[in-house]
Protein backbone atom coordinates (compact mmCIF):
# COMPACT_ATOMS: atom_id res chain seq x y z
CA MET A 1 0.00 0.00 0.00
CA HIS A 2 1.04 3.59 -0.60
CA ARG A 3 1.41 5.42 2.71
CA VAL A 4 -0.13 8.88 3.04
CA LEU A 5 -0.41 11.30 5.94
CA VAL A 6 -3.53 13.49 5.72
CA LEU A 7 -3.29 16.54 7.96
CA GLY A 8 -6.60 17.98 9.15
CA ALA A 9 -9.75 16.00 9.98
CA GLY A 10 -12.12 18.72 8.85
CA LYS A 11 -14.70 18.56 6.07
CA ILE A 12 -12.19 17.98 3.28
CA GLY A 13 -9.66 15.89 5.20
CA ALA A 14 -12.44 13.55 6.25
CA LEU A 15 -13.35 12.77 2.65
CA ILE A 16 -9.74 12.67 1.41
CA SER A 17 -8.96 9.98 3.97
CA GLY A 18 -12.15 8.11 3.06
CA LEU A 19 -11.62 8.18 -0.70
CA LEU A 20 -8.01 7.03 -0.52
CA GLY A 21 -8.80 4.46 2.15
CA GLU A 22 -11.80 3.00 0.29
CA SER A 23 -9.63 2.40 -2.80
CA GLY A 24 -7.73 -0.30 -0.91
CA ASP A 25 -4.38 0.88 -2.30
CA TYR A 26 -3.54 3.39 0.42
CA ARG A 27 -2.73 3.23 4.10
CA ILE A 28 -3.87 6.52 5.59
CA ASP A 29 -2.78 8.27 8.76
CA LEU A 30 -5.33 11.00 9.53
CA ALA A 31 -3.92 13.53 11.99
CA ASP A 32 -5.52 16.51 13.67
CA LEU A 33 -4.77 18.80 16.59
CA ASP A 34 -7.99 17.43 18.03
CA GLY A 35 -7.29 13.72 18.24
CA ALA A 36 -10.92 12.99 19.08
CA ALA A 37 -12.00 14.64 15.82
CA ALA A 38 -9.64 12.43 13.82
CA GLU A 39 -10.80 9.36 15.73
CA SER A 40 -14.47 10.16 15.05
CA VAL A 41 -13.78 10.35 11.31
CA VAL A 42 -11.80 7.10 11.31
CA LYS A 43 -14.52 5.27 13.24
CA ALA A 44 -17.14 6.51 10.78
CA HIS A 45 -15.04 5.20 7.88
CA GLY A 46 -14.66 1.81 9.54
CA LEU A 47 -11.57 0.97 7.49
CA ALA A 48 -8.65 -1.02 8.88
CA ASN A 49 -6.17 0.90 6.67
CA VAL A 50 -7.10 4.34 8.08
CA ARG A 51 -5.67 5.32 11.46
CA ALA A 52 -6.19 8.41 13.65
CA PHE A 53 -3.55 10.48 15.39
CA ALA A 54 -3.49 13.55 17.59
CA LEU A 55 -0.84 15.89 16.16
CA ASP A 56 -0.06 19.59 16.27
CA ALA A 57 1.32 19.96 12.75
CA THR A 58 2.09 23.63 13.38
CA ALA A 59 4.77 22.57 15.89
CA PRO A 60 7.77 21.59 13.71
CA GLU A 61 9.29 19.31 16.33
CA ASP A 62 6.01 17.41 16.80
CA LEU A 63 5.53 17.01 13.07
CA ALA A 64 9.12 15.86 12.60
CA ALA A 65 8.79 13.30 15.39
CA HIS A 66 5.56 11.94 13.90
CA LEU A 67 7.01 11.62 10.39
CA ASP A 68 10.11 9.89 11.73
CA ALA A 69 8.01 7.45 13.78
CA HIS A 70 5.42 6.90 11.03
CA PRO A 71 7.16 7.45 7.67
CA VAL A 72 4.94 7.94 4.62
CA ASP A 73 5.30 8.35 0.88
CA ALA A 74 3.26 11.56 0.71
CA VAL A 75 1.75 14.27 2.86
CA ILE A 76 -1.58 15.89 1.96
CA SER A 77 -2.25 19.05 3.94
CA GLY A 78 -5.87 19.93 4.54
CA LEU A 79 -4.80 22.61 7.01
CA PRO A 80 -5.47 26.35 6.71
CA TYR A 81 -3.12 28.00 4.21
CA PHE A 82 -0.98 29.66 6.90
CA CYS A 83 0.07 26.27 8.31
CA ASN A 84 1.43 24.78 5.09
CA VAL A 85 5.00 26.02 4.68
CA PRO A 86 6.45 24.12 7.69
CA VAL A 87 4.64 21.00 6.51
CA ALA A 88 6.17 21.33 3.03
CA ALA A 89 9.59 21.85 4.61
CA ALA A 90 9.24 18.67 6.66
CA ALA A 91 8.25 16.71 3.56
CA ARG A 92 11.21 18.13 1.65
CA GLN A 93 13.66 17.10 4.36
CA ARG A 94 12.39 13.50 4.28
CA GLY A 95 11.99 12.99 0.54
CA MET A 96 8.19 12.79 0.61
CA HIS A 97 5.64 14.03 -1.93
CA TYR A 98 3.66 17.07 -0.82
CA PHE A 99 0.16 18.25 -1.75
CA ASP A 100 -2.03 21.01 -0.34
CA LEU A 101 -5.29 22.88 -0.96
CA THR A 102 -3.98 26.42 -0.53
CA GLU A 103 -5.33 29.36 -2.50
CA ASP A 104 -2.72 31.67 -0.98
CA VAL A 105 -0.23 33.08 -3.49
CA ALA A 106 2.55 33.84 -0.98
CA VAL A 107 2.40 30.34 0.52
CA THR A 108 2.58 28.80 -2.96
CA GLU A 109 5.70 30.80 -3.76
CA GLU A 110 7.36 29.57 -0.57
CA VAL A 111 6.49 25.99 -1.51
CA ARG A 112 7.94 26.61 -4.98
CA THR A 113 11.22 27.70 -3.39
CA LEU A 114 11.31 24.65 -1.12
CA ALA A 115 10.65 22.34 -4.07
CA ALA A 116 13.67 23.46 -6.08
CA GLY A 117 15.78 20.41 -6.91
CA ALA A 118 13.52 17.97 -5.09
CA SER A 119 13.36 14.36 -6.30
CA THR A 120 9.72 14.16 -5.20
CA ALA A 121 6.67 16.17 -6.26
CA PHE A 122 5.48 19.35 -4.56
CA ALA A 123 1.99 20.13 -5.84
CA PRO A 124 0.24 22.94 -3.98
CA GLN A 125 -3.09 24.47 -5.01
CA CYS A 126 -4.85 21.13 -5.49
CA GLY A 127 -8.61 20.72 -5.21
CA LEU A 128 -11.17 22.83 -7.04
CA ALA A 129 -10.04 26.44 -7.51
CA PRO A 130 -7.16 26.58 -7.86
CA GLY A 131 -6.86 22.99 -8.94
CA PHE A 132 -9.35 21.35 -11.25
CA VAL A 133 -10.43 24.62 -12.88
CA SER A 134 -6.79 25.31 -13.82
CA ILE A 135 -6.53 21.88 -15.42
CA ALA A 136 -9.74 22.44 -17.42
CA ALA A 137 -8.70 25.93 -18.55
CA ASN A 138 -5.26 24.73 -19.60
CA GLU A 139 -6.78 21.93 -21.67
CA LEU A 140 -9.09 24.29 -23.57
CA ALA A 141 -6.35 26.87 -24.10
CA ALA A 142 -4.13 24.21 -25.69
CA HIS A 143 -6.74 23.79 -28.46
CA PHE A 144 -6.07 27.27 -29.86
CA ASP A 145 -3.45 28.63 -32.24
CA GLU A 146 -3.73 32.10 -30.67
CA ILE A 147 -5.42 32.89 -27.35
CA HIS A 148 -7.28 36.13 -26.69
CA THR A 149 -9.17 35.59 -23.41
CA VAL A 150 -9.34 32.90 -20.75
CA LYS A 151 -12.05 33.21 -18.11
CA LEU A 152 -12.23 30.91 -15.09
CA ARG A 153 -15.38 31.05 -12.95
CA VAL A 154 -16.23 28.79 -10.01
CA GLY A 155 -19.02 28.93 -7.46
CA ALA A 156 -19.79 26.74 -4.45
CA LEU A 157 -23.38 27.69 -3.68
CA PRO A 158 -26.30 26.55 -1.53
CA GLN A 159 -29.03 24.93 -3.61
CA HIS A 160 -31.69 26.81 -1.66
CA PRO A 161 -30.36 30.23 -0.49
CA ASN A 162 -32.55 31.95 2.09
CA ASN A 163 -30.39 34.48 3.93
CA VAL A 164 -29.25 38.00 3.08
CA LEU A 165 -25.85 36.77 1.85
CA LYS A 166 -27.53 34.08 -0.29
CA TYR A 167 -24.72 31.84 0.87
CA SER A 168 -23.86 28.94 3.16
CA LEU A 169 -20.46 28.16 4.64
CA THR A 170 -19.36 25.18 2.62
CA TRP A 171 -15.62 25.13 3.33
CA SER A 172 -12.85 26.85 5.31
CA THR A 173 -13.92 30.25 6.66
CA ASP A 174 -10.26 31.32 6.82
CA GLY A 175 -9.84 30.44 3.17
CA LEU A 176 -13.03 32.26 2.20
CA ILE A 177 -11.96 35.47 3.95
CA ASN A 178 -8.49 35.17 2.42
CA GLU A 179 -9.99 34.98 -1.06
CA TYR A 180 -12.29 37.93 -0.45
CA GLY A 181 -9.63 40.13 1.17
CA ASN A 182 -6.36 39.66 -0.71
CA MET A 183 -5.19 41.11 -4.01
CA CYS A 184 -6.01 39.04 -7.09
CA GLN A 185 -3.72 38.10 -9.96
CA SER A 186 -4.95 38.76 -13.48
CA VAL A 187 -3.61 39.14 -17.02
CA GLU A 188 -4.58 42.30 -18.90
CA ASP A 189 -3.11 43.34 -22.26
CA GLY A 190 -0.61 40.52 -21.90
CA SER A 191 0.78 41.72 -18.54
CA ILE A 192 0.34 40.02 -15.17
CA ILE A 193 -1.14 42.53 -12.74
CA ASN A 194 -2.87 42.64 -9.37
CA VAL A 195 -6.51 43.71 -9.14
CA LEU A 196 -8.74 44.42 -6.16
CA PRO A 197 -10.90 41.68 -4.62
CA LEU A 198 -14.70 42.09 -4.74
CA GLU A 199 -14.32 44.23 -7.88
CA GLY A 200 -14.85 43.41 -11.56
CA LEU A 201 -18.48 42.54 -10.85
CA GLU A 202 -20.21 40.92 -13.82
CA GLU A 203 -23.32 38.89 -14.61
CA ILE A 204 -23.19 35.38 -16.01
CA GLU A 205 -26.04 33.14 -17.15
CA ILE A 206 -25.81 29.34 -17.11
CA ASP A 207 -28.74 27.07 -18.00
CA GLY A 208 -31.13 30.01 -17.64
CA ASN A 209 -29.92 30.90 -14.12
CA VAL A 210 -28.30 34.26 -13.45
CA TYR A 211 -25.23 34.55 -11.22
CA GLU A 212 -22.77 37.29 -10.40
CA ALA A 213 -19.00 36.91 -10.54
CA PHE A 214 -16.26 39.06 -9.04
CA ASN A 215 -12.53 39.06 -8.40
CA THR A 216 -11.23 36.82 -5.63
CA SER A 217 -7.66 35.91 -4.74
CA GLY A 218 -5.77 32.75 -5.60
CA GLY A 219 -8.14 30.99 -8.00
CA LEU A 220 -5.88 31.53 -11.00
CA GLY A 221 -3.15 29.49 -9.35
CA SER A 222 0.03 29.36 -11.45
CA LEU A 223 -1.87 29.51 -14.74
CA ALA A 224 -0.98 33.15 -15.47
CA ASP A 225 2.73 32.36 -15.16
CA SER A 226 2.39 29.26 -17.33
CA TRP A 227 0.67 31.18 -20.15
CA HIS A 228 2.46 34.53 -19.76
CA GLY A 229 3.32 35.94 -23.16
CA ARG A 230 0.77 33.72 -24.92
CA VAL A 231 -2.53 35.17 -23.72
CA THR A 232 -3.98 38.68 -23.89
CA GLU A 233 -6.49 38.46 -21.04
CA MET A 234 -6.90 35.88 -18.27
CA ASN A 235 -8.78 36.16 -14.99
CA TYR A 236 -10.48 34.20 -12.24
CA LYS A 237 -13.72 35.21 -10.53
CA THR A 238 -15.92 33.59 -7.90
CA MET A 239 -19.59 33.02 -8.73
CA ARG A 240 -22.37 33.80 -6.27
CA TYR A 241 -26.08 34.57 -6.36
CA PRO A 242 -26.80 38.23 -7.25
CA GLY A 243 -26.43 40.62 -4.31
CA HIS A 244 -23.77 38.69 -2.39
CA CYS A 245 -20.86 40.84 -3.53
CA ASN A 246 -22.38 44.09 -2.29
CA GLN A 247 -23.09 42.56 1.11
CA MET A 248 -19.49 41.39 1.43
CA ARG A 249 -18.23 44.81 0.34
CA LEU A 250 -20.19 46.30 3.22
CA LEU A 251 -18.70 43.86 5.72
CA MET A 252 -15.12 43.87 4.51
CA ASN A 253 -14.68 47.41 3.22
CA GLY A 254 -17.47 49.54 4.67
CA LEU A 255 -17.17 48.12 8.19
CA LYS A 256 -13.38 47.58 7.81
CA LEU A 257 -13.60 43.91 8.80
CA ASN A 258 -10.96 42.99 6.25
CA HIS A 259 -8.63 44.48 8.86
CA ASP A 260 -10.25 42.50 11.69
CA ARG A 261 -10.59 39.07 10.19
CA ASP A 262 -11.02 37.26 13.50
CA THR A 263 -14.18 39.27 14.15
CA LEU A 264 -15.41 38.66 10.60
CA LYS A 265 -14.81 34.93 11.02
CA ARG A 266 -16.84 34.86 14.24
CA ILE A 267 -19.68 36.80 12.60
CA LEU A 268 -19.84 34.50 9.60
CA GLU A 269 -19.62 31.27 11.58
CA ASN A 270 -22.26 32.42 14.06
CA ALA A 271 -24.71 33.73 11.48
CA VAL A 272 -24.26 31.75 8.25
CA PRO A 273 -25.38 28.10 8.37
CA ARG A 274 -23.60 25.15 6.83
CA THR A 275 -25.30 22.75 4.44
CA LEU A 276 -24.80 19.47 2.64
CA GLN A 277 -27.24 20.62 -0.06
CA ASP A 278 -24.93 22.66 -2.25
CA VAL A 279 -23.86 22.79 -5.88
CA VAL A 280 -20.46 23.50 -7.39
CA ILE A 281 -20.43 25.26 -10.75
CA VAL A 282 -17.30 25.22 -12.92
CA TYR A 283 -17.25 27.53 -15.94
CA VAL A 284 -14.30 28.06 -18.26
CA SER A 285 -14.35 30.15 -21.45
CA VAL A 286 -11.50 30.44 -23.93
CA VAL A 287 -11.66 32.71 -26.96
CA GLY A 288 -9.02 32.81 -29.67
CA LEU A 289 -8.06 31.75 -33.16
CA GLN A 290 -8.46 28.23 -34.48
CA ASP A 291 -7.63 27.58 -38.13
CA GLY A 292 -7.74 31.32 -38.78
CA GLU A 293 -11.24 31.76 -37.29
CA LEU A 294 -12.27 33.49 -34.07
CA ARG A 295 -13.83 30.77 -31.90
CA GLU A 296 -14.88 30.10 -28.32
CA GLU A 297 -14.77 26.86 -26.33
CA ASN A 298 -16.38 26.30 -22.94
CA TYR A 299 -16.16 23.78 -20.14
CA VAL A 300 -19.27 24.00 -17.98
CA ASN A 301 -20.20 21.54 -15.26
CA LYS A 302 -22.43 21.40 -12.21
CA VAL A 303 -21.47 18.94 -9.47
CA TYR A 304 -24.00 18.03 -6.79
CA PRO A 305 -23.67 16.19 -3.46
CA GLN A 306 -22.91 12.50 -3.86
CA ILE A 307 -23.18 9.27 -1.88
CA ILE A 308 -19.75 7.87 -1.10
CA ALA A 309 -19.34 4.83 1.14
CA GLY A 310 -23.04 5.01 2.01
CA ARG A 311 -22.95 8.61 3.25
CA LEU A 312 -23.87 11.96 1.74
CA TRP A 313 -21.02 14.38 1.05
CA SER A 314 -21.48 17.96 -0.13
CA ALA A 315 -20.48 19.06 -3.62
CA ILE A 316 -17.61 21.20 -2.31
CA GLN A 317 -16.29 18.27 -0.30
CA VAL A 318 -16.53 15.98 -3.32
CA THR A 319 -14.92 18.34 -5.83
CA THR A 320 -12.11 19.43 -3.52
CA ALA A 321 -11.26 15.97 -2.20
CA ALA A 322 -11.59 14.34 -5.63
CA GLY A 323 -9.34 16.99 -7.14
CA VAL A 324 -6.46 16.48 -4.72
CA CYS A 325 -6.90 12.69 -4.59
CA ALA A 326 -6.78 12.42 -8.39
CA VAL A 327 -3.61 14.51 -8.64
CA ALA A 328 -1.96 12.67 -5.74
CA ASP A 329 -2.90 9.30 -7.27
CA LEU A 330 -1.43 10.28 -10.65
CA VAL A 331 1.80 11.39 -9.00
CA ILE A 332 2.21 8.50 -6.56
CA CYS A 333 1.48 5.89 -9.24
CA ASP A 334 3.99 7.50 -11.64
CA PRO A 335 6.56 9.31 -9.47
CA GLU A 336 9.24 9.43 -12.16
CA SER A 337 7.10 11.82 -14.23
CA HIS A 338 6.61 14.35 -11.44
CA ARG A 339 9.50 16.00 -9.61
CA GLY A 340 10.05 19.34 -7.94
CA PHE A 341 7.38 22.02 -8.15
CA VAL A 342 4.37 20.63 -10.04
CA THR A 343 1.67 22.96 -11.34
CA GLN A 344 -1.94 21.89 -11.63
CA GLU A 345 -1.93 22.66 -15.34
CA SER A 346 0.78 20.06 -15.90
CA PHE A 347 -1.94 17.41 -15.54
CA HIS A 348 -4.13 16.59 -18.53
CA LEU A 349 -7.88 16.97 -18.11
CA LYS A 350 -8.56 13.57 -19.66
CA ASP A 351 -6.17 11.87 -17.23
CA VAL A 352 -7.89 13.52 -14.27
CA LEU A 353 -11.42 12.71 -15.45
CA ASP A 354 -10.43 9.11 -16.23
CA ASN A 355 -8.82 8.69 -12.81
CA ARG A 356 -10.70 6.65 -10.20
CA PHE A 357 -11.01 9.74 -8.00
CA GLY A 358 -11.43 12.33 -10.77
CA ARG A 359 -14.52 10.45 -12.00
CA PHE A 360 -16.55 12.24 -9.33
CA TYR A 361 -16.42 15.27 -11.65
CA ALA A 362 -18.53 13.38 -14.21
CA HIS A 363 -21.32 15.38 -15.85
CA GLY A 364 -24.98 14.64 -15.39
CA GLY A 365 -25.49 14.91 -11.65
CA THR A 366 -28.65 16.39 -10.11
CA ASN A 367 -29.87 17.50 -6.70
CA GLU A 368 -32.19 14.49 -6.50
CA VAL A 369 -29.80 12.40 -4.40
CA SER A 370 -29.29 15.01 -1.69
CA ALA A 371 -32.99 15.92 -1.66
CA ARG A 372 -34.02 12.28 -1.17
CA MET A 373 -31.45 11.55 1.51
CA ILE A 374 -32.25 14.73 3.45
CA ALA A 375 -36.00 14.02 3.24
CA THR A 376 -35.59 10.47 4.52
CA GLY A 377 -32.95 11.23 7.15
CA ALA A 378 -30.54 8.85 5.47
CA VAL A 379 -27.51 11.12 5.05
CA GLY A 380 -25.38 9.00 7.38
CA HIS A 381 -22.61 10.34 9.61
CA GLN A 382 -19.29 11.72 8.43
CA ARG A 383 -18.12 11.39 12.04
CA ALA A 384 -18.96 8.66 14.53
CA LYS A 385 -20.98 9.89 17.48
CA GLY A 386 -19.40 9.60 20.90
CA ALA A 387 -15.94 8.91 19.49
């Protein structure tokens, strides 16, 4: 079995450990600062090849001791972005592969530096956005002789919004605030520039439904660097239901909570509910020249909650966990092809979609599964009670 340490027993770490464990080809150590949280996830999985550990991965000496006592082939960090650099450093020192879910540009650059000359793969920015959307955009862009514009749009939305933000907390609150508050990379007139978050508001219609999209940080990943000099315009925006952006502008800019993120986090987590009934929308548009003609190609997909191992998992859990698991699986099963700093766009879309974990991105899903399981109380438990 391939040995993998998954750090963080939260929403995404729980499914990462389950997906890899269920495959039968991986032995998983799931570690969390809260050992009881990790144990509750492991008990819910009920898999002999998934073990729980209490570990403070932010303490370098504790992480080093754990990795020396329980060596692995790869580390997948499901921790908040600000915890990842020491984890990458520990993996580098021990010749292990490294994967994370960060959207943070500065953290990614530090990982890039650490990865220089490594004999193993260092692949940050896995998951959905950045991650899968970068892979899809890169695939479409490669179909063109000359590229004019590349637009990446992703939204993780509640199926049934009923609050003023028209939003539910579907993933890391720290990551959400980071995306909404930090400068955003973009390509305009061929130059890589920084633009303001919560700006660039636009309307987009998909399948007759109207959404808004606006600048957020990190979603472009390394794609702008990879295509620099070959594209005129490239940008990433987050999709929400109309009205959300103005509400967040009030909170973050009008009330200055971008400068008091701890308070903003408490407000959001106390007021905005979580849900398993969400939908993830991935939209990529590429415009350019093909055979001398101006053409456009699109990748559009909606992913809904899915039943995995008899339990219901939200769309954001599925897309994020499937994204990192597919990339990790491709690397671990073919390590000679992936060394040093590995960008998401270095993976082919077909390879990801054909992968046993990437298949969860398949088209054609509906909200019927989550509606039925919620109505019948059959969602199951992602964590064992009383663990």
